[in-house]
Amino acid sequence: MQCNTTHGNACTGAALICEEKETYKGSWDEDMELPIFDLITISNATHNFARYNKLGEGGFGSVYKAIVSSFFHHSAS
């Protein structure tokens, strides 16, 4: 995800961590629908990219733990 901010370009990723494990039964070649979050939602979910939510760094930039409470509600409807 690439976002333009007033401080320049920022490349961030948000990881949603769930406690339930599910076995994937489909084909890895099929298209998967992934949610798209805007910068405000990601900023709120990571507490403004707080250092304590940073999980690490990857090839596309920093990875943060994010809690998006309405995500599962919207995806189920």
N, C-alpha and C. Protein backbone atom coordinates (compact mmCIF):
# COMPACT_ATOMS: atom_id res chain seq x y z
N MET A 1 0.85 -1.16 0.00
CA MET A 1 0.00 0.00 0.00
C MET A 1 0.90 1.22 0.00
N GLN A 2 0.63 2.17 -0.86
CA GLN A 2 1.43 3.38 -0.89
C GLN A 2 0.53 4.55 -0.61
N CYS A 3 0.98 5.43 0.27
CA CYS A 3 0.18 6.57 0.68
C CYS A 3 1.02 7.83 0.54
N ASN A 4 0.42 8.89 0.05
CA ASN A 4 1.10 10.17 0.00
C ASN A 4 0.66 10.98 1.21
N THR A 5 1.62 11.50 1.94
CA THR A 5 1.32 12.31 3.11
C THR A 5 2.00 13.66 2.96
N THR A 6 1.73 14.56 3.88
CA THR A 6 2.38 15.87 3.84
C THR A 6 3.86 15.77 4.17
N HIS A 7 4.29 14.65 4.72
CA HIS A 7 5.69 14.44 5.07
C HIS A 7 6.44 13.68 3.98
N GLY A 8 5.85 13.48 2.84
CA GLY A 8 6.48 12.73 1.76
C GLY A 8 5.76 11.42 1.53
N ASN A 9 6.42 10.52 0.85
CA ASN A 9 5.81 9.22 0.57
C ASN A 9 6.07 8.26 1.72
N ALA A 10 5.04 7.55 2.10
CA ALA A 10 5.18 6.54 3.16
C ALA A 10 4.64 5.23 2.63
N CYS A 11 5.37 4.19 2.83
CA CYS A 11 4.92 2.87 2.41
C CYS A 11 4.74 2.04 3.66
N THR A 12 3.50 1.65 3.93
CA THR A 12 3.24 0.92 5.17
C THR A 12 2.38 -0.29 4.89
N GLY A 13 2.43 -1.23 5.78
CA GLY A 13 1.57 -2.40 5.71
C GLY A 13 0.94 -2.61 7.06
N ALA A 14 -0.25 -3.12 7.09
CA ALA A 14 -0.92 -3.40 8.35
C ALA A 14 -1.21 -4.89 8.41
N ALA A 15 -0.90 -5.49 9.51
CA ALA A 15 -1.17 -6.91 9.69
C ALA A 15 -2.35 -7.07 10.63
N LEU A 16 -3.33 -7.82 10.21
CA LEU A 16 -4.47 -8.11 11.07
C LEU A 16 -4.24 -9.49 11.66
N ILE A 17 -4.20 -9.55 12.97
CA ILE A 17 -3.91 -10.81 13.65
C ILE A 17 -5.18 -11.36 14.25
N CYS A 18 -5.53 -12.59 13.90
CA CYS A 18 -6.73 -13.24 14.40
C CYS A 18 -6.31 -14.42 15.28
N GLU A 19 -7.12 -14.71 16.28
CA GLU A 19 -6.80 -15.82 17.17
C GLU A 19 -7.28 -17.15 16.62
N GLU A 20 -8.26 -17.15 15.74
CA GLU A 20 -8.77 -18.40 15.19
C GLU A 20 -7.93 -18.79 13.99
N LYS A 21 -7.63 -20.08 13.88
CA LYS A 21 -6.91 -20.59 12.72
C LYS A 21 -7.90 -21.33 11.84
N GLU A 22 -7.78 -21.09 10.54
CA GLU A 22 -8.62 -21.80 9.58
C GLU A 22 -7.71 -22.43 8.54
N THR A 23 -8.10 -23.55 8.04
CA THR A 23 -7.35 -24.22 7.00
C THR A 23 -7.86 -23.73 5.65
N TYR A 24 -6.93 -23.29 4.80
CA TYR A 24 -7.31 -22.81 3.48
C TYR A 24 -7.55 -24.01 2.58
N LYS A 25 -8.74 -24.09 2.01
CA LYS A 25 -9.11 -25.25 1.20
C LYS A 25 -9.20 -24.94 -0.29
N GLY A 26 -8.93 -23.70 -0.67
CA GLY A 26 -9.04 -23.33 -2.08
C GLY A 26 -7.70 -23.43 -2.79
N SER A 27 -7.68 -22.98 -4.01
CA SER A 27 -6.47 -22.97 -4.81
C SER A 27 -5.72 -21.67 -4.57
N TRP A 28 -4.40 -21.72 -4.47
CA TRP A 28 -3.62 -20.51 -4.25
C TRP A 28 -3.58 -19.65 -5.51
N ASP A 29 -3.99 -20.19 -6.65
CA ASP A 29 -3.97 -19.43 -7.89
C ASP A 29 -5.20 -18.55 -8.06
N GLU A 30 -6.25 -18.80 -7.30
CA GLU A 30 -7.47 -18.02 -7.48
C GLU A 30 -7.31 -16.63 -6.86
N ASP A 31 -8.04 -15.67 -7.40
CA ASP A 31 -7.98 -14.30 -6.90
C ASP A 31 -8.63 -14.23 -5.52
N MET A 32 -7.98 -13.51 -4.63
CA MET A 32 -8.52 -13.32 -3.28
C MET A 32 -8.92 -11.85 -3.14
N GLU A 33 -10.06 -11.62 -2.52
CA GLU A 33 -10.48 -10.25 -2.27
C GLU A 33 -9.87 -9.79 -0.96
N LEU A 34 -9.10 -8.73 -1.02
CA LEU A 34 -8.46 -8.18 0.17
C LEU A 34 -9.05 -6.80 0.45
N PRO A 35 -9.19 -6.45 1.72
CA PRO A 35 -9.73 -5.13 2.04
C PRO A 35 -8.71 -4.04 1.73
N ILE A 36 -9.21 -2.87 1.37
CA ILE A 36 -8.37 -1.71 1.14
C ILE A 36 -8.73 -0.68 2.20
N PHE A 37 -7.73 -0.23 2.96
CA PHE A 37 -7.95 0.74 4.01
C PHE A 37 -7.32 2.07 3.62
N ASP A 38 -7.97 3.18 3.98
CA ASP A 38 -7.38 4.48 3.72
C ASP A 38 -6.38 4.82 4.84
N LEU A 39 -5.59 5.87 4.63
CA LEU A 39 -4.53 6.23 5.57
C LEU A 39 -5.08 6.58 6.95
N ILE A 40 -6.21 7.24 7.02
CA ILE A 40 -6.80 7.61 8.32
C ILE A 40 -7.17 6.36 9.11
N THR A 41 -7.78 5.37 8.46
CA THR A 41 -8.15 4.13 9.14
C THR A 41 -6.92 3.40 9.65
N ILE A 42 -5.88 3.30 8.82
CA ILE A 42 -4.66 2.62 9.23
C ILE A 42 -3.97 3.38 10.36
N SER A 43 -3.94 4.70 10.26
CA SER A 43 -3.34 5.51 11.32
C SER A 43 -4.06 5.31 12.65
N ASN A 44 -5.38 5.30 12.62
CA ASN A 44 -6.15 5.07 13.85
C ASN A 44 -5.93 3.65 14.38
N ALA A 45 -5.89 2.68 13.49
CA ALA A 45 -5.76 1.28 13.90
C ALA A 45 -4.38 0.97 14.49
N THR A 46 -3.37 1.74 14.13
CA THR A 46 -2.01 1.53 14.64
C THR A 46 -1.64 2.55 15.71
N HIS A 47 -2.62 3.31 16.15
CA HIS A 47 -2.37 4.41 17.11
C HIS A 47 -1.30 5.35 16.57
N ASN A 48 -1.56 5.83 15.36
CA ASN A 48 -0.67 6.77 14.66
C ASN A 48 0.73 6.18 14.46
N PHE A 49 0.76 4.91 14.04
CA PHE A 49 2.01 4.20 13.75
C PHE A 49 2.95 4.21 14.96
N ALA A 50 2.37 3.90 16.11
CA ALA A 50 3.14 3.88 17.36
C ALA A 50 4.25 2.84 17.30
N ARG A 51 5.37 3.17 17.89
CA ARG A 51 6.54 2.29 17.89
C ARG A 51 6.22 0.93 18.50
N TYR A 52 5.37 0.90 19.52
CA TYR A 52 5.04 -0.37 20.18
C TYR A 52 4.17 -1.28 19.30
N ASN A 53 3.61 -0.76 18.21
CA ASN A 53 2.83 -1.57 17.28
C ASN A 53 3.65 -2.04 16.08
N LYS A 54 4.89 -1.63 15.99
CA LYS A 54 5.73 -2.03 14.86
C LYS A 54 6.17 -3.48 15.04
N LEU A 55 5.88 -4.31 14.04
CA LEU A 55 6.23 -5.73 14.08
C LEU A 55 7.58 -6.00 13.44
N GLY A 56 7.96 -5.16 12.49
CA GLY A 56 9.24 -5.37 11.81
C GLY A 56 9.28 -4.61 10.51
N GLU A 57 10.21 -4.99 9.66
CA GLU A 57 10.38 -4.35 8.36
C GLU A 57 10.41 -5.43 7.29
N GLY A 58 9.80 -5.13 6.17
CA GLY A 58 9.79 -6.06 5.05
C GLY A 58 10.28 -5.38 3.79
N GLY A 59 10.13 -6.04 2.68
CA GLY A 59 10.57 -5.50 1.41
C GLY A 59 9.81 -4.28 0.96
N PHE A 60 8.61 -4.06 1.50
CA PHE A 60 7.80 -2.91 1.11
C PHE A 60 7.75 -1.85 2.20
N GLY A 61 8.52 -2.00 3.27
CA GLY A 61 8.55 -1.00 4.33
C GLY A 61 8.20 -1.60 5.68
N SER A 62 7.83 -0.73 6.61
CA SER A 62 7.52 -1.15 7.98
C SER A 62 6.19 -1.90 8.03
N VAL A 63 6.09 -2.84 8.97
CA VAL A 63 4.87 -3.62 9.18
C VAL A 63 4.40 -3.37 10.60
N TYR A 64 3.12 -2.98 10.74
CA TYR A 64 2.55 -2.64 12.03
C TYR A 64 1.38 -3.55 12.37
N LYS A 65 1.21 -3.78 13.66
CA LYS A 65 0.01 -4.47 14.14
C LYS A 65 -1.11 -3.44 14.15
N ALA A 66 -2.26 -3.82 13.61
CA ALA A 66 -3.40 -2.90 13.54
C ALA A 66 -4.65 -3.60 14.05
N ILE A 67 -5.46 -2.86 14.76
CA ILE A 67 -6.74 -3.39 15.23
C ILE A 67 -7.84 -2.58 14.57
N VAL A 68 -8.58 -3.24 13.68
CA VAL A 68 -9.68 -2.58 12.96
C VAL A 68 -10.95 -3.29 13.39
N SER A 69 -11.66 -2.71 14.34
CA SER A 69 -12.81 -3.39 14.92
C SER A 69 -13.97 -3.54 13.94
N SER A 70 -14.15 -2.61 13.03
CA SER A 70 -15.29 -2.70 12.12
C SER A 70 -15.00 -3.53 10.89
N PHE A 71 -13.76 -3.99 10.69
CA PHE A 71 -13.40 -4.76 9.51
C PHE A 71 -14.23 -6.02 9.36
N PHE A 72 -14.31 -6.81 10.41
CA PHE A 72 -15.03 -8.07 10.32
C PHE A 72 -16.52 -7.84 10.19
N HIS A 73 -17.03 -6.79 10.79
CA HIS A 73 -18.45 -6.48 10.67
C HIS A 73 -18.80 -6.17 9.22
N HIS A 74 -17.98 -5.34 8.57
CA HIS A 74 -18.26 -4.95 7.19
C HIS A 74 -18.02 -6.09 6.20
N SER A 75 -17.01 -6.92 6.47
CA SER A 75 -16.72 -7.98 5.51
C SER A 75 -17.76 -9.10 5.57
N ALA A 76 -18.46 -9.20 6.68
CA ALA A 76 -19.47 -10.26 6.81
C ALA A 76 -20.77 -9.88 6.13
N SER A 77 -20.99 -8.60 5.89
CA SER A 77 -22.28 -8.19 5.30
C SER A 77 -22.23 -8.12 3.80
